[in-house]
Amino acid sequence: MIFLSDHSRRKALIRLAREEFITPGVMINISEAARRYWKAHPKECAGVALTITTREADRPRTILDDYERPKCRKCGAPMFWKSGCGECKGPVKKNQWTCKECGFKRFTKDTLEKAIAKLERRG
């Protein structure tokens, strides 16, 4: 059984609200989607504050949002792509999949194009 902090639970519930209401095009406002999700799933959301930061609500959409992102090996959350620095030396230079939930990083030699080719497109 995995125990999440309140912050991690809240972020996971916001992600679920986005998947249920924003991704299928039911609505475009993440605050309203979260309110609806909290109402529709009161037991699952019990004890989690309904607050959304600007950073979470206004995250820019990327090409990777059209694909199933790889899941984090540690916590199971979807991972995000981080391009390496072309001028930097060491591990910073490498591209990586990074988990915003637990901070786990998976370095890769793949380019963004190769990484996308390995992903499954969302229906």
PDB file of N, CA and C in Angstrom:
ATOM      1  N   MET A   1       0.845  -1.178   0.000  1.00  0.00           N
ATOM      2  CA  MET A   1       0.000   0.000   0.000  1.00  0.00           C
ATOM      3  C   MET A   1       0.893   1.245   0.000  1.00  0.00           C
ATOM      4  N   ILE A   2       0.572   2.221  -0.828  1.00  0.00           N
ATOM      5  CA  ILE A   2       1.348   3.449  -0.925  1.00  0.00           C
ATOM      6  C   ILE A   2       0.640   4.550  -0.147  1.00  0.00           C
ATOM      7  N   PHE A   3       1.381   5.206   0.740  1.00  0.00           N
ATOM      8  CA  PHE A   3       0.840   6.326   1.494  1.00  0.00           C
ATOM      9  C   PHE A   3       1.415   7.609   0.910  1.00  0.00           C
ATOM     10  N   LEU A   4       0.549   8.528   0.542  1.00  0.00           N
ATOM     11  CA  LEU A   4       0.979   9.790  -0.044  1.00  0.00           C
ATOM     12  C   LEU A   4       0.791  10.920   0.955  1.00  0.00           C
ATOM     13  N   SER A   5       1.638  11.925   0.862  1.00  0.00           N
ATOM     14  CA  SER A   5       1.467  13.109   1.691  1.00  0.00           C
ATOM     15  C   SER A   5       0.211  13.835   1.213  1.00  0.00           C
ATOM     16  N   ASP A   6      -0.297  14.767   2.024  1.00  0.00           N
ATOM     17  CA  ASP A   6      -1.476  15.532   1.619  1.00  0.00           C
ATOM     18  C   ASP A   6      -1.228  16.282   0.320  1.00  0.00           C
ATOM     19  N   HIS A   7      -0.025  16.842   0.180  1.00  0.00           N
ATOM     20  CA  HIS A   7       0.328  17.577  -1.037  1.00  0.00           C
ATOM     21  C   HIS A   7       0.309  16.646  -2.249  1.00  0.00           C
ATOM     22  N   SER A   8       0.878  15.467  -2.114  1.00  0.00           N
ATOM     23  CA  SER A   8       0.906  14.502  -3.220  1.00  0.00           C
ATOM     24  C   SER A   8      -0.495  14.004  -3.547  1.00  0.00           C
ATOM     25  N   ARG A   9      -1.301  13.770  -2.515  1.00  0.00           N
ATOM     26  CA  ARG A   9      -2.696  13.335  -2.751  1.00  0.00           C
ATOM     27  C   ARG A   9      -3.462  14.410  -3.507  1.00  0.00           C
ATOM     28  N   ARG A  10      -3.285  15.673  -3.092  1.00  0.00           N
ATOM     29  CA  ARG A  10      -3.979  16.777  -3.753  1.00  0.00           C
ATOM     30  C   ARG A  10      -3.575  16.871  -5.217  1.00  0.00           C
ATOM     31  N   LYS A  11      -2.276  16.772  -5.486  1.00  0.00           N
ATOM     32  CA  LYS A  11      -1.799  16.834  -6.865  1.00  0.00           C
ATOM     33  C   LYS A  11      -2.341  15.667  -7.681  1.00  0.00           C
ATOM     34  N   ALA A  12      -2.389  14.487  -7.090  1.00  0.00           N
ATOM     35  CA  ALA A  12      -2.930  13.319  -7.785  1.00  0.00           C
ATOM     36  C   ALA A  12      -4.415  13.507  -8.091  1.00  0.00           C
ATOM     37  N   LEU A  13      -5.170  14.069  -7.141  1.00  0.00           N
ATOM     38  CA  LEU A  13      -6.595  14.308  -7.363  1.00  0.00           C
ATOM     39  C   LEU A  13      -6.818  15.378  -8.428  1.00  0.00           C
ATOM     40  N   ILE A  14      -5.979  16.389  -8.461  1.00  0.00           N
ATOM     41  CA  ILE A  14      -6.082  17.418  -9.507  1.00  0.00           C
ATOM     42  C   ILE A  14      -5.800  16.800 -10.869  1.00  0.00           C
ATOM     43  N   ARG A  15      -4.807  15.899 -10.915  1.00  0.00           N
ATOM     44  CA  ARG A  15      -4.501  15.204 -12.171  1.00  0.00           C
ATOM     45  C   ARG A  15      -5.706  14.383 -12.632  1.00  0.00           C
ATOM     46  N   LEU A  16      -6.372  13.705 -11.697  1.00  0.00           N
ATOM     47  CA  LEU A  16      -7.557  12.925 -12.032  1.00  0.00           C
ATOM     48  C   LEU A  16      -8.700  13.823 -12.511  1.00  0.00           C
ATOM     49  N   ALA A  17      -8.847  14.984 -11.869  1.00  0.00           N
ATOM     50  CA  ALA A  17      -9.879  15.939 -12.294  1.00  0.00           C
ATOM     51  C   ALA A  17      -9.599  16.420 -13.709  1.00  0.00           C
ATOM     52  N   ARG A  18      -8.333  16.682 -14.007  1.00  0.00           N
ATOM     53  CA  ARG A  18      -7.942  17.109 -15.360  1.00  0.00           C
ATOM     54  C   ARG A  18      -8.287  16.012 -16.373  1.00  0.00           C
ATOM     55  N   GLU A  19      -7.956  14.753 -16.029  1.00  0.00           N
ATOM     56  CA  GLU A  19      -8.226  13.635 -16.937  1.00  0.00           C
ATOM     57  C   GLU A  19      -9.722  13.429 -17.154  1.00  0.00           C
ATOM     58  N   GLU A  20     -10.519  13.656 -16.106  1.00  0.00           N
ATOM     59  CA  GLU A  20     -11.961  13.414 -16.201  1.00  0.00           C
ATOM     60  C   GLU A  20     -12.718  14.544 -16.899  1.00  0.00           C
ATOM     61  N   PHE A  21     -12.282  15.790 -16.709  1.00  0.00           N
ATOM     62  CA  PHE A  21     -13.057  16.914 -17.226  1.00  0.00           C
ATOM     63  C   PHE A  21     -12.353  17.747 -18.299  1.00  0.00           C
ATOM     64  N   ILE A  22     -11.049  17.960 -18.191  1.00  0.00           N
ATOM     65  CA  ILE A  22     -10.340  18.833 -19.132  1.00  0.00           C
ATOM     66  C   ILE A  22      -9.960  18.080 -20.402  1.00  0.00           C
ATOM     67  N   THR A  23      -9.297  16.927 -20.248  1.00  0.00           N
ATOM     68  CA  THR A  23      -8.812  16.168 -21.398  1.00  0.00           C
ATOM     69  C   THR A  23      -9.928  15.789 -22.377  1.00  0.00           C
ATOM     70  N   PRO A  24     -11.085  15.312 -21.912  1.00  0.00           N
ATOM     71  CA  PRO A  24     -12.144  14.979 -22.872  1.00  0.00           C
ATOM     72  C   PRO A  24     -12.891  16.205 -23.421  1.00  0.00           C
ATOM     73  N   GLY A  25     -12.554  17.398 -22.929  1.00  0.00           N
ATOM     74  CA  GLY A  25     -13.172  18.613 -23.451  1.00  0.00           C
ATOM     75  C   GLY A  25     -14.474  19.012 -22.793  1.00  0.00           C
ATOM     76  N   VAL A  26     -14.787  18.444 -21.633  1.00  0.00           N
ATOM     77  CA  VAL A  26     -16.019  18.793 -20.920  1.00  0.00           C
ATOM     78  C   VAL A  26     -15.972  20.252 -20.477  1.00  0.00           C
ATOM     79  N   MET A  27     -14.777  20.700 -20.042  1.00  0.00           N
ATOM     80  CA  MET A  27     -14.591  22.085 -19.614  1.00  0.00           C
ATOM     81  C   MET A  27     -13.132  22.453 -19.793  1.00  0.00           C
ATOM     82  N   ILE A  28     -12.834  23.733 -19.648  1.00  0.00           N
ATOM     83  CA  ILE A  28     -11.451  24.178 -19.808  1.00  0.00           C
ATOM     84  C   ILE A  28     -10.876  24.788 -18.534  1.00  0.00           C
ATOM     85  N   ASN A  29     -11.675  25.006 -17.533  1.00  0.00           N
ATOM     86  CA  ASN A  29     -11.240  25.646 -16.297  1.00  0.00           C
ATOM     87  C   ASN A  29     -10.889  24.575 -15.258  1.00  0.00           C
ATOM     88  N   ILE A  30      -9.595  24.477 -14.895  1.00  0.00           N
ATOM     89  CA  ILE A  30      -9.158  23.445 -13.957  1.00  0.00           C
ATOM     90  C   ILE A  30      -9.735  23.658 -12.561  1.00  0.00           C
ATOM     91  N   SER A  31      -9.972  24.895 -12.161  1.00  0.00           N
ATOM     92  CA  SER A  31     -10.561  25.144 -10.840  1.00  0.00           C
ATOM     93  C   SER A  31     -11.970  24.567 -10.767  1.00  0.00           C
ATOM     94  N   GLU A  32     -12.757  24.807 -11.800  1.00  0.00           N
ATOM     95  CA  GLU A  32     -14.121  24.263 -11.841  1.00  0.00           C
ATOM     96  C   GLU A  32     -14.092  22.748 -11.963  1.00  0.00           C
ATOM     97  N   ALA A  33     -13.155  22.222 -12.749  1.00  0.00           N
ATOM     98  CA  ALA A  33     -13.027  20.761 -12.893  1.00  0.00           C
ATOM     99  C   ALA A  33     -12.703  20.128 -11.541  1.00  0.00           C
ATOM    100  N   ALA A  34     -11.811  20.754 -10.785  1.00  0.00           N
ATOM    101  CA  ALA A  34     -11.452  20.228  -9.471  1.00  0.00           C
ATOM    102  C   ALA A  34     -12.650  20.276  -8.524  1.00  0.00           C
ATOM    103  N   ARG A  35     -13.389  21.386  -8.546  1.00  0.00           N
ATOM    104  CA  ARG A  35     -14.596  21.480  -7.692  1.00  0.00           C
ATOM    105  C   ARG A  35     -15.580  20.356  -8.022  1.00  0.00           C
ATOM    106  N   ARG A  36     -15.796  20.132  -9.305  1.00  0.00           N
ATOM    107  CA  ARG A  36     -16.718  19.066  -9.720  1.00  0.00           C
ATOM    108  C   ARG A  36     -16.200  17.699  -9.294  1.00  0.00           C
ATOM    109  N   TYR A  37     -14.896  17.490  -9.439  1.00  0.00           N
ATOM    110  CA  TYR A  37     -14.308  16.202  -9.067  1.00  0.00           C
ATOM    111  C   TYR A  37     -14.470  15.974  -7.571  1.00  0.00           C
ATOM    112  N   TRP A  38     -14.220  17.012  -6.763  1.00  0.00           N
ATOM    113  CA  TRP A  38     -14.365  16.891  -5.307  1.00  0.00           C
ATOM    114  C   TRP A  38     -15.808  16.545  -4.944  1.00  0.00           C
ATOM    115  N   LYS A  39     -16.776  17.134  -5.658  1.00  0.00           N
ATOM    116  CA  LYS A  39     -18.199  16.828  -5.392  1.00  0.00           C
ATOM    117  C   LYS A  39     -18.554  15.413  -5.820  1.00  0.00           C
ATOM    118  N   ALA A  40     -18.014  14.971  -6.966  1.00  0.00           N
ATOM    119  CA  ALA A  40     -18.345  13.656  -7.512  1.00  0.00           C
ATOM    120  C   ALA A  40     -17.673  12.507  -6.751  1.00  0.00           C
ATOM    121  N   HIS A  41     -16.556  12.783  -6.093  1.00  0.00           N
ATOM    122  CA  HIS A  41     -15.795  11.739  -5.403  1.00  0.00           C
ATOM    123  C   HIS A  41     -15.464  12.160  -3.967  1.00  0.00           C
ATOM    124  N   PRO A  42     -16.490  12.355  -3.127  1.00  0.00           N
ATOM    125  CA  PRO A  42     -16.245  12.889  -1.780  1.00  0.00           C
ATOM    126  C   PRO A  42     -15.397  11.986  -0.895  1.00  0.00           C
ATOM    127  N   LYS A  43     -15.554  10.668  -0.998  1.00  0.00           N
ATOM    128  CA  LYS A  43     -14.764   9.770  -0.144  1.00  0.00           C
ATOM    129  C   LYS A  43     -13.297   9.797  -0.541  1.00  0.00           C
ATOM    130  N   GLU A  44     -13.029   9.776  -1.821  1.00  0.00           N
ATOM    131  CA  GLU A  44     -11.651   9.792  -2.324  1.00  0.00           C
ATOM    132  C   GLU A  44     -10.942  11.104  -1.985  1.00  0.00           C
ATOM    133  N   CYS A  45     -11.704  12.201  -1.958  1.00  0.00           N
ATOM    134  CA  CYS A  45     -11.135  13.535  -1.734  1.00  0.00           C
ATOM    135  C   CYS A  45     -11.210  13.998  -0.286  1.00  0.00           C
ATOM    136  N   ALA A  46     -11.756  13.158   0.593  1.00  0.00           N
ATOM    137  CA  ALA A  46     -11.920  13.540   1.999  1.00  0.00           C
ATOM    138  C   ALA A  46     -10.588  13.929   2.621  1.00  0.00           C
ATOM    139  N   GLY A  47     -10.578  15.076   3.284  1.00  0.00           N
ATOM    140  CA  GLY A  47      -9.399  15.541   3.987  1.00  0.00           C
ATOM    141  C   GLY A  47      -8.368  16.262   3.131  1.00  0.00           C
ATOM    142  N   VAL A  48      -8.642  16.402   1.842  1.00  0.00           N
ATOM    143  CA  VAL A  48      -7.707  17.090   0.945  1.00  0.00           C
ATOM    144  C   VAL A  48      -8.274  18.460   0.615  1.00  0.00           C
ATOM    145  N   ALA A  49      -7.491  19.499   0.878  1.00  0.00           N
ATOM    146  CA  ALA A  49      -7.951  20.871   0.633  1.00  0.00           C
ATOM    147  C   ALA A  49      -8.128  21.122  -0.857  1.00  0.00           C
ATOM    148  N   LEU A  50      -9.192  21.815  -1.194  1.00  0.00           N
ATOM    149  CA  LEU A  50      -9.466  22.147  -2.587  1.00  0.00           C
ATOM    150  C   LEU A  50      -8.871  23.510  -2.902  1.00  0.00           C
ATOM    151  N   THR A  51      -7.570  23.531  -3.132  1.00  0.00           N
ATOM    152  CA  THR A  51      -6.886  24.748  -3.548  1.00  0.00           C
ATOM    153  C   THR A  51      -5.978  24.373  -4.699  1.00  0.00           C
ATOM    154  N   ILE A  52      -5.881  25.252  -5.683  1.00  0.00           N
ATOM    155  CA  ILE A  52      -5.058  24.987  -6.857  1.00  0.00           C
ATOM    156  C   ILE A  52      -4.146  26.180  -7.058  1.00  0.00           C
ATOM    157  N   THR A  53      -2.860  25.913  -7.165  1.00  0.00           N
ATOM    158  CA  THR A  53      -1.922  27.003  -7.381  1.00  0.00           C
ATOM    159  C   THR A  53      -1.941  27.429  -8.844  1.00  0.00           C
ATOM    160  N   THR A  54      -1.516  28.631  -9.100  1.00  0.00           N
ATOM    161  CA  THR A  54      -1.443  29.131 -10.472  1.00  0.00           C
ATOM    162  C   THR A  54      -0.535  28.252 -11.312  1.00  0.00           C
ATOM    163  N   ARG A  55       0.546  27.792 -10.710  1.00  0.00           N
ATOM    164  CA  ARG A  55       1.494  26.933 -11.435  1.00  0.00           C
ATOM    165  C   ARG A  55       0.809  25.676 -11.956  1.00  0.00           C
ATOM    166  N   GLU A  56      -0.037  25.049 -11.144  1.00  0.00           N
ATOM    167  CA  GLU A  56      -0.729  23.833 -11.562  1.00  0.00           C
ATOM    168  C   GLU A  56      -1.814  24.131 -12.581  1.00  0.00           C
ATOM    169  N   ALA A  57      -2.545  25.197 -12.380  1.00  0.00           N
ATOM    170  CA  ALA A  57      -3.663  25.512 -13.266  1.00  0.00           C
ATOM    171  C   ALA A  57      -3.205  26.007 -14.629  1.00  0.00           C
ATOM    172  N   ASP A  58      -2.111  26.748 -14.657  1.00  0.00           N
ATOM    173  CA  ASP A  58      -1.670  27.360 -15.908  1.00  0.00           C
ATOM    174  C   ASP A  58      -0.508  26.637 -16.560  1.00  0.00           C
ATOM    175  N   ARG A  59      -0.294  25.376 -16.228  1.00  0.00           N
ATOM    176  CA  ARG A  59       0.801  24.642 -16.853  1.00  0.00           C
ATOM    177  C   ARG A  59       0.593  24.628 -18.363  1.00  0.00           C
ATOM    178  N   PRO A  60       1.586  25.084 -19.119  1.00  0.00           N
ATOM    179  CA  PRO A  60       1.409  25.112 -20.567  1.00  0.00           C
ATOM    180  C   PRO A  60       1.280  23.706 -21.134  1.00  0.00           C
ATOM    181  N   ARG A  61       0.422  23.561 -22.094  1.00  0.00           N
ATOM    182  CA  ARG A  61       0.227  22.285 -22.768  1.00  0.00           C
ATOM    183  C   ARG A  61       1.427  22.018 -23.664  1.00  0.00           C
ATOM    184  N   THR A  62       1.807  20.760 -23.813  1.00  0.00           N
ATOM    185  CA  THR A  62       2.921  20.387 -24.671  1.00  0.00           C
ATOM    186  C   THR A  62       2.492  19.278 -25.615  1.00  0.00           C
ATOM    187  N   ILE A  63       3.340  18.964 -26.579  1.00  0.00           N
ATOM    188  CA  ILE A  63       3.049  17.878 -27.516  1.00  0.00           C
ATOM    189  C   ILE A  63       2.908  16.552 -26.784  1.00  0.00           C
ATOM    190  N   LEU A  64       3.592  16.408 -25.656  1.00  0.00           N
ATOM    191  CA  LEU A  64       3.522  15.157 -24.900  1.00  0.00           C
ATOM    192  C   LEU A  64       2.173  14.933 -24.238  1.00  0.00           C
ATOM    193  N   ASP A  65       1.342  15.956 -24.132  1.00  0.00           N
ATOM    194  CA  ASP A  65       0.014  15.792 -23.543  1.00  0.00           C
ATOM    195  C   ASP A  65      -0.891  14.935 -24.428  1.00  0.00           C
ATOM    196  N   ASP A  66      -0.497  14.732 -25.692  1.00  0.00           N
ATOM    197  CA  ASP A  66      -1.259  13.885 -26.608  1.00  0.00           C
ATOM    198  C   ASP A  66      -0.878  12.416 -26.482  1.00  0.00           C
ATOM    199  N   TYR A  67       0.092  12.103 -25.622  1.00  0.00           N
ATOM    200  CA  TYR A  67       0.604  10.741 -25.480  1.00  0.00           C
ATOM    201  C   TYR A  67       0.512  10.289 -24.030  1.00  0.00           C
ATOM    202  N   GLU A  68       0.487   8.962 -23.854  1.00  0.00           N
ATOM    203  CA  GLU A  68       0.530   8.390 -22.509  1.00  0.00           C
ATOM    204  C   GLU A  68       1.963   8.513 -22.017  1.00  0.00           C
ATOM    205  N   ARG A  69       2.178   9.312 -21.007  1.00  0.00           N
ATOM    206  CA  ARG A  69       3.523   9.513 -20.472  1.00  0.00           C
ATOM    207  C   ARG A  69       3.961   8.260 -19.719  1.00  0.00           C
ATOM    208  N   PRO A  70       5.275   8.006 -19.669  1.00  0.00           N
ATOM    209  CA  PRO A  70       5.727   6.865 -18.865  1.00  0.00           C
ATOM    210  C   PRO A  70       5.430   7.128 -17.390  1.00  0.00           C
ATOM    211  N   LYS A  71       5.194   6.063 -16.658  1.00  0.00           N
ATOM    212  CA  LYS A  71       4.888   6.182 -15.227  1.00  0.00           C
ATOM    213  C   LYS A  71       6.185   6.100 -14.413  1.00  0.00           C
ATOM    214  N   CYS A  72       6.205   6.832 -13.330  1.00  0.00           N
ATOM    215  CA  CYS A  72       7.349   6.834 -12.418  1.00  0.00           C
ATOM    216  C   CYS A  72       7.487   5.456 -11.766  1.00  0.00           C
ATOM    217  N   ARG A  73       8.703   4.960 -11.697  1.00  0.00           N
ATOM    218  CA  ARG A  73       8.960   3.656 -11.073  1.00  0.00           C
ATOM    219  C   ARG A  73       8.731   3.691  -9.569  1.00  0.00           C
ATOM    220  N   LYS A  74       8.870   4.862  -8.955  1.00  0.00           N
ATOM    221  CA  LYS A  74       8.743   4.963  -7.497  1.00  0.00           C
ATOM    222  C   LYS A  74       7.306   5.189  -7.041  1.00  0.00           C
ATOM    223  N   CYS A  75       6.593   6.138  -7.691  1.00  0.00           N
ATOM    224  CA  CYS A  75       5.256   6.480  -7.181  1.00  0.00           C
ATOM    225  C   CYS A  75       4.131   6.236  -8.188  1.00  0.00           C
ATOM    226  N   GLY A  76       4.451   5.957  -9.450  1.00  0.00           N
ATOM    227  CA  GLY A  76       3.420   5.653 -10.442  1.00  0.00           C
ATOM    228  C   GLY A  76       2.798   6.863 -11.124  1.00  0.00           C
ATOM    229  N   ALA A  77       3.244   8.064 -10.793  1.00  0.00           N
ATOM    230  CA  ALA A  77       2.699   9.285 -11.418  1.00  0.00           C
ATOM    231  C   ALA A  77       3.272   9.439 -12.831  1.00  0.00           C
ATOM    232  N   PRO A  78       2.547  10.142 -13.718  1.00  0.00           N
ATOM    233  CA  PRO A  78       3.085  10.388 -15.054  1.00  0.00           C
ATOM    234  C   PRO A  78       4.336  11.268 -14.976  1.00  0.00           C
ATOM    235  N   MET A  79       5.320  10.947 -15.800  1.00  0.00           N
ATOM    236  CA  MET A  79       6.575  11.688 -15.781  1.00  0.00           C
ATOM    237  C   MET A  79       6.579  12.768 -16.859  1.00  0.00           C
ATOM    238  N   PHE A  80       7.420  13.770 -16.667  1.00  0.00           N
ATOM    239  CA  PHE A  80       7.531  14.891 -17.601  1.00  0.00           C
ATOM    240  C   PHE A  80       8.912  14.903 -18.234  1.00  0.00           C
ATOM    241  N   TRP A  81       8.990  15.363 -19.481  1.00  0.00           N
ATOM    242  CA  TRP A  81      10.234  15.431 -20.240  1.00  0.00           C
ATOM    243  C   TRP A  81      10.996  16.691 -19.877  1.00  0.00           C
ATOM    244  N   LYS A  82      12.289  16.543 -19.690  1.00  0.00           N
ATOM    245  CA  LYS A  82      13.144  17.692 -19.441  1.00  0.00           C
ATOM    246  C   LYS A  82      14.338  17.571 -20.375  1.00  0.00           C
ATOM    247  N   SER A  83      14.475  18.537 -21.278  1.00  0.00           N
ATOM    248  CA  SER A  83      15.593  18.517 -22.218  1.00  0.00           C
ATOM    249  C   SER A  83      16.863  18.961 -21.518  1.00  0.00           C
ATOM    250  N   GLY A  84      17.952  18.345 -21.900  1.00  0.00           N
ATOM    251  CA  GLY A  84      19.243  18.681 -21.317  1.00  0.00           C
ATOM    252  C   GLY A  84      19.784  19.988 -21.874  1.00  0.00           C
ATOM    253  N   CYS A  85      20.744  20.496 -21.198  1.00  0.00           N
ATOM    254  CA  CYS A  85      21.408  21.730 -21.596  1.00  0.00           C
ATOM    255  C   CYS A  85      22.512  21.376 -22.581  1.00  0.00           C
ATOM    256  N   GLY A  86      22.502  21.943 -23.766  1.00  0.00           N
ATOM    257  CA  GLY A  86      23.492  21.659 -24.785  1.00  0.00           C
ATOM    258  C   GLY A  86      24.877  22.153 -24.435  1.00  0.00           C
ATOM    259  N   GLU A  87      24.969  23.140 -23.564  1.00  0.00           N
ATOM    260  CA  GLU A  87      26.265  23.716 -23.193  1.00  0.00           C
ATOM    261  C   GLU A  87      26.796  23.171 -21.871  1.00  0.00           C
ATOM    262  N   CYS A  88      25.966  22.481 -21.115  1.00  0.00           N
ATOM    263  CA  CYS A  88      26.362  21.992 -19.798  1.00  0.00           C
ATOM    264  C   CYS A  88      27.148  20.690 -19.913  1.00  0.00           C
ATOM    265  N   LYS A  89      27.906  20.384 -18.872  1.00  0.00           N
ATOM    266  CA  LYS A  89      28.660  19.135 -18.819  1.00  0.00           C
ATOM    267  C   LYS A  89      28.105  18.283 -17.690  1.00  0.00           C
ATOM    268  N   GLY A  90      28.287  16.975 -17.810  1.00  0.00           N
ATOM    269  CA  GLY A  90      27.836  16.070 -16.765  1.00  0.00           C
ATOM    270  C   GLY A  90      26.392  15.656 -16.967  1.00  0.00           C
ATOM    271  N   PRO A  91      25.749  15.129 -15.900  1.00  0.00           N
ATOM    272  CA  PRO A  91      24.395  14.592 -16.037  1.00  0.00           C
ATOM    273  C   PRO A  91      23.345  15.637 -16.413  1.00  0.00           C
ATOM    274  N   VAL A  92      23.630  16.914 -16.197  1.00  0.00           N
ATOM    275  CA  VAL A  92      22.668  17.961 -16.545  1.00  0.00           C
ATOM    276  C   VAL A  92      22.456  17.996 -18.058  1.00  0.00           C
ATOM    277  N   LYS A  93      23.487  17.595 -18.804  1.00  0.00           N
ATOM    278  CA  LYS A  93      23.439  17.657 -20.257  1.00  0.00           C
ATOM    279  C   LYS A  93      22.440  16.651 -20.840  1.00  0.00           C
ATOM    280  N   LYS A  94      22.202  15.562 -20.130  1.00  0.00           N
ATOM    281  CA  LYS A  94      21.341  14.498 -20.645  1.00  0.00           C
ATOM    282  C   LYS A  94      19.868  14.874 -20.564  1.00  0.00           C
ATOM    283  N   ASN A  95      19.097  14.356 -21.520  1.00  0.00           N
ATOM    284  CA  ASN A  95      17.642  14.489 -21.444  1.00  0.00           C
ATOM    285  C   ASN A  95      17.158  13.555 -20.346  1.00  0.00           C
ATOM    286  N   GLN A  96      16.001  13.876 -19.790  1.00  0.00           N
ATOM    287  CA  GLN A  96      15.494  13.032 -18.710  1.00  0.00           C
ATOM    288  C   GLN A  96      13.984  13.066 -18.627  1.00  0.00           C
ATOM    289  N   TRP A  97      13.433  11.984 -18.090  1.00  0.00           N
ATOM    290  CA  TRP A  97      12.057  11.939 -17.656  1.00  0.00           C
ATOM    291  C   TRP A  97      12.120  12.222 -16.169  1.00  0.00           C
ATOM    292  N   THR A  98      11.311  13.141 -15.698  1.00  0.00           N
ATOM    293  CA  THR A  98      11.343  13.509 -14.290  1.00  0.00           C
ATOM    294  C   THR A  98       9.932  13.460 -13.705  1.00  0.00           C
ATOM    295  N   CYS A  99       9.852  13.027 -12.459  1.00  0.00           N
ATOM    296  CA  CYS A  99       8.561  12.930 -11.774  1.00  0.00           C
ATOM    297  C   CYS A  99       8.378  14.164 -10.904  1.00  0.00           C
ATOM    298  N   LYS A 100       7.290  14.871 -11.117  1.00  0.00           N
ATOM    299  CA  LYS A 100       7.017  16.069 -10.317  1.00  0.00           C
ATOM    300  C   LYS A 100       6.414  15.710  -8.962  1.00  0.00           C
ATOM    301  N   GLU A 101       5.999  14.466  -8.805  1.00  0.00           N
ATOM    302  CA  GLU A 101       5.414  14.040  -7.529  1.00  0.00           C
ATOM    303  C   GLU A 101       6.496  13.712  -6.504  1.00  0.00           C
ATOM    304  N   CYS A 102       7.463  12.858  -6.901  1.00  0.00           N
ATOM    305  CA  CYS A 102       8.461  12.404  -5.925  1.00  0.00           C
ATOM    306  C   CYS A 102       9.889  12.844  -6.259  1.00  0.00           C
ATOM    307  N   GLY A 103      10.087  13.435  -7.444  1.00  0.00           N
ATOM    308  CA  GLY A 103      11.408  13.932  -7.808  1.00  0.00           C
ATOM    309  C   GLY A 103      12.323  12.927  -8.480  1.00  0.00           C
ATOM    310  N   PHE A 104      11.850  11.716  -8.709  1.00  0.00           N
ATOM    311  CA  PHE A 104      12.666  10.689  -9.368  1.00  0.00           C
ATOM    312  C   PHE A 104      13.032  11.141 -10.781  1.00  0.00           C
ATOM    313  N   LYS A 105      14.278  10.877 -11.202  1.00  0.00           N
ATOM    314  CA  LYS A 105      14.728  11.249 -12.543  1.00  0.00           C
ATOM    315  C   LYS A 105      15.255  10.025 -13.260  1.00  0.00           C
ATOM    316  N   ARG A 106      14.868   9.888 -14.528  1.00  0.00           N
ATOM    317  CA  ARG A 106      15.381   8.802 -15.368  1.00  0.00           C
ATOM    318  C   ARG A 106      16.083   9.432 -16.563  1.00  0.00           C
ATOM    319  N   PHE A 107      17.398   9.357 -16.604  1.00  0.00           N
ATOM    320  CA  PHE A 107      18.164   9.954 -17.690  1.00  0.00           C
ATOM    321  C   PHE A 107      18.076   9.082 -18.931  1.00  0.00           C
ATOM    322  N   THR A 108      18.117   9.718 -20.114  1.00  0.00           N
ATOM    323  CA  THR A 108      18.028   8.994 -21.377  1.00  0.00           C
ATOM    324  C   THR A 108      18.885   9.673 -22.434  1.00  0.00           C
ATOM    325  N   LYS A 109      19.362   8.883 -23.369  1.00  0.00           N
ATOM    326  CA  LYS A 109      20.101   9.432 -24.507  1.00  0.00           C
ATOM    327  C   LYS A 109      19.152   9.743 -25.660  1.00  0.00           C
ATOM    328  N   ASP A 110      17.894   9.373 -25.521  1.00  0.00           N
ATOM    329  CA  ASP A 110      16.897   9.629 -26.566  1.00  0.00           C
ATOM    330  C   ASP A 110      16.689  11.115 -26.789  1.00  0.00           C
ATOM    331  N   THR A 111      16.383  11.470 -28.021  1.00  0.00           N
ATOM    332  CA  THR A 111      15.927  12.823 -28.320  1.00  0.00           C
ATOM    333  C   THR A 111      14.438  12.860 -28.042  1.00  0.00           C
ATOM    334  N   LEU A 112      13.846  14.029 -28.046  1.00  0.00           N
ATOM    335  CA  LEU A 112      12.402  14.140 -27.838  1.00  0.00           C
ATOM    336  C   LEU A 112      11.647  13.336 -28.895  1.00  0.00           C
ATOM    337  N   GLU A 113      12.102  13.399 -30.148  1.00  0.00           N
ATOM    338  CA  GLU A 113      11.436  12.680 -31.236  1.00  0.00           C
ATOM    339  C   GLU A 113      11.461  11.166 -30.989  1.00  0.00           C
ATOM    340  N   LYS A 114      12.613  10.634 -30.558  1.00  0.00           N
ATOM    341  CA  LYS A 114      12.716   9.201 -30.272  1.00  0.00           C
ATOM    342  C   LYS A 114      11.844   8.825 -29.088  1.00  0.00           C
ATOM    343  N   ALA A 115      11.814   9.683 -28.077  1.00  0.00           N
ATOM    344  CA  ALA A 115      10.995   9.415 -26.895  1.00  0.00           C
ATOM    345  C   ALA A 115       9.514   9.361 -27.270  1.00  0.00           C
ATOM    346  N   ILE A 116       9.071  10.293 -28.106  1.00  0.00           N
ATOM    347  CA  ILE A 116       7.668  10.316 -28.541  1.00  0.00           C
ATOM    348  C   ILE A 116       7.329   9.071 -29.352  1.00  0.00           C
ATOM    349  N   ALA A 117       8.273   8.618 -30.185  1.00  0.00           N
ATOM    350  CA  ALA A 117       8.046   7.432 -31.008  1.00  0.00           C
ATOM    351  C   ALA A 117       7.792   6.192 -30.149  1.00  0.00           C
ATOM    352  N   LYS A 118       8.311   6.171 -28.938  1.00  0.00           N
ATOM    353  CA  LYS A 118       8.137   5.032 -28.025  1.00  0.00           C
ATOM    354  C   LYS A 118       6.821   5.098 -27.238  1.00  0.00           C
ATOM    355  N   LEU A 119       6.148   6.254 -27.268  1.00  0.00           N
ATOM    356  CA  LEU A 119       4.932   6.439 -26.476  1.00  0.00           C
ATOM    357  C   LEU A 119       3.687   6.075 -27.255  1.00  0.00           C
ATOM    358  N   GLU A 120       2.642   5.731 -26.528  1.00  0.00           N
ATOM    359  CA  GLU A 120       1.353   5.407 -27.136  1.00  0.00           C
ATOM    360  C   GLU A 120       0.487   6.664 -27.172  1.00  0.00           C
ATOM    361  N   ARG A 121      -0.125   6.934 -28.317  1.00  0.00           N
ATOM    362  CA  ARG A 121      -0.964   8.122 -28.490  1.00  0.00           C
ATOM    363  C   ARG A 121      -2.271   7.945 -27.723  1.00  0.00           C
ATOM    364  N   ARG A 122      -2.721   9.005 -27.071  1.00  0.00           N
ATOM    365  CA  ARG A 122      -4.002   8.965 -26.350  1.00  0.00           C
ATOM    366  C   ARG A 122      -5.146   8.941 -27.358  1.00  0.00           C
ATOM    367  N   GLY A 123      -6.187   8.208 -27.011  1.00  0.00           N
ATOM    368  CA  GLY A 123      -7.335   8.058 -27.897  1.00  0.00           C
ATOM    369  C   GLY A 123      -8.177   9.222 -27.844  1.00  0.00           C
TER     370      GLY A 123
END
